[in-house]
Amino acid sequence: MIAQTFSALPPMKTDAVAAGNPLKGVLVTVFTLKIIVSAFLLATVSLAPPVAANENYKTLALVD
């Protein structure tokens, strides 16, 4: 078996950086909008006044 020397190896080339996916901006935008909408919905629910429940529900809740 013959050992290879460094001079016998082909020269190393740095590969050009591959172009990014063109839809990456769309993906980031969609994720950002989903987070904004979910934050808005959570804020809306947390600030909403309690719903006046029917008397049947109130009595069942107090039977405990």
C-alpha atoms as a PDB file:
ATOM      1  CA  MET A   1       0.000   0.000   0.000  1.00  0.00           C
ATOM      2  CA  ILE A   2       1.397   3.363  -0.997  1.00  0.00           C
ATOM      3  CA  ALA A   3       0.886   6.278   1.386  1.00  0.00           C
ATOM      4  CA  GLN A   4      -0.324   9.468  -0.225  1.00  0.00           C
ATOM      5  CA  THR A   5       1.538  12.667   0.392  1.00  0.00           C
ATOM      6  CA  PHE A   6      -0.055  16.046   0.833  1.00  0.00           C
ATOM      7  CA  SER A   7       1.299  17.179  -2.509  1.00  0.00           C
ATOM      8  CA  ALA A   8      -0.474  14.278  -4.222  1.00  0.00           C
ATOM      9  CA  LEU A   9      -3.884  15.261  -2.858  1.00  0.00           C
ATOM     10  CA  PRO A  10      -6.091  17.456  -5.021  1.00  0.00           C
ATOM     11  CA  PRO A  11      -6.269  21.075  -3.881  1.00  0.00           C
ATOM     12  CA  MET A  12      -9.112  21.928  -1.508  1.00  0.00           C
ATOM     13  CA  LYS A  13     -11.660  24.332  -2.872  1.00  0.00           C
ATOM     14  CA  THR A  14     -14.067  26.362  -0.813  1.00  0.00           C
ATOM     15  CA  ASP A  15     -17.540  25.832  -2.133  1.00  0.00           C
ATOM     16  CA  ALA A  16     -19.548  28.906  -2.857  1.00  0.00           C
ATOM     17  CA  VAL A  17     -22.294  29.505  -0.352  1.00  0.00           C
ATOM     18  CA  ALA A  18     -25.488  28.136  -1.775  1.00  0.00           C
ATOM     19  CA  ALA A  19     -28.252  30.661  -2.274  1.00  0.00           C
ATOM     20  CA  GLY A  20     -30.897  30.565   0.415  1.00  0.00           C
ATOM     21  CA  ASN A  21     -34.389  29.351  -0.168  1.00  0.00           C
ATOM     22  CA  PRO A  22     -36.427  32.100  -1.862  1.00  0.00           C
ATOM     23  CA  LEU A  23     -39.434  31.280   0.323  1.00  0.00           C
ATOM     24  CA  LYS A  24     -37.547  31.823   3.583  1.00  0.00           C
ATOM     25  CA  GLY A  25     -38.848  35.399   3.815  1.00  0.00           C
ATOM     26  CA  VAL A  26     -42.400  34.183   3.379  1.00  0.00           C
ATOM     27  CA  LEU A  27     -41.911  31.573   6.110  1.00  0.00           C
ATOM     28  CA  VAL A  28     -40.521  34.132   8.552  1.00  0.00           C
ATOM     29  CA  THR A  29     -43.354  36.537   7.726  1.00  0.00           C
ATOM     30  CA  VAL A  30     -46.007  33.863   8.268  1.00  0.00           C
ATOM     31  CA  PHE A  31     -44.500  32.800  11.609  1.00  0.00           C
ATOM     32  CA  THR A  32     -44.298  36.435  12.737  1.00  0.00           C
ATOM     33  CA  LEU A  33     -47.908  37.068  11.782  1.00  0.00           C
ATOM     34  CA  LYS A  34     -49.017  33.895  13.590  1.00  0.00           C
ATOM     35  CA  ILE A  35     -47.292  35.069  16.765  1.00  0.00           C
ATOM     36  CA  ILE A  36     -48.843  38.542  16.479  1.00  0.00           C
ATOM     37  CA  VAL A  37     -52.334  37.136  15.889  1.00  0.00           C
ATOM     38  CA  SER A  38     -52.046  34.664  18.768  1.00  0.00           C
ATOM     39  CA  ALA A  39     -50.830  37.437  21.100  1.00  0.00           C
ATOM     40  CA  PHE A  40     -53.766  39.603  20.016  1.00  0.00           C
ATOM     41  CA  LEU A  41     -56.253  36.791  20.594  1.00  0.00           C
ATOM     42  CA  LEU A  42     -54.814  35.987  24.027  1.00  0.00           C
ATOM     43  CA  ALA A  43     -54.958  39.659  24.984  1.00  0.00           C
ATOM     44  CA  THR A  44     -58.550  39.895  23.758  1.00  0.00           C
ATOM     45  CA  VAL A  45     -59.596  36.842  25.760  1.00  0.00           C
ATOM     46  CA  SER A  46     -57.838  37.984  28.908  1.00  0.00           C
ATOM     47  CA  LEU A  47     -59.445  41.441  28.758  1.00  0.00           C
ATOM     48  CA  ALA A  48     -62.946  40.210  27.936  1.00  0.00           C
ATOM     49  CA  PRO A  49     -65.541  40.544  30.695  1.00  0.00           C
ATOM     50  CA  PRO A  50     -66.943  37.309  32.088  1.00  0.00           C
ATOM     51  CA  VAL A  51     -70.028  36.011  30.374  1.00  0.00           C
ATOM     52  CA  ALA A  52     -73.246  36.078  32.407  1.00  0.00           C
ATOM     53  CA  ALA A  53     -73.999  32.392  32.738  1.00  0.00           C
ATOM     54  CA  ASN A  54     -77.459  30.893  32.893  1.00  0.00           C
ATOM     55  CA  GLU A  55     -78.821  30.200  36.400  1.00  0.00           C
ATOM     56  CA  ASN A  56     -78.529  26.425  35.836  1.00  0.00           C
ATOM     57  CA  TYR A  57     -74.795  26.717  35.336  1.00  0.00           C
ATOM     58  CA  LYS A  58     -74.387  28.908  38.400  1.00  0.00           C
ATOM     59  CA  THR A  59     -76.217  26.497  40.661  1.00  0.00           C
ATOM     60  CA  LEU A  60     -74.250  23.511  39.347  1.00  0.00           C
ATOM     61  CA  ALA A  61     -71.013  25.354  39.980  1.00  0.00           C
ATOM     62  CA  LEU A  62     -72.025  26.130  43.581  1.00  0.00           C
ATOM     63  CA  VAL A  63     -73.185  22.585  44.441  1.00  0.00           C
ATOM     64  CA  ASP A  64     -69.621  21.510  45.124  1.00  0.00           C
END
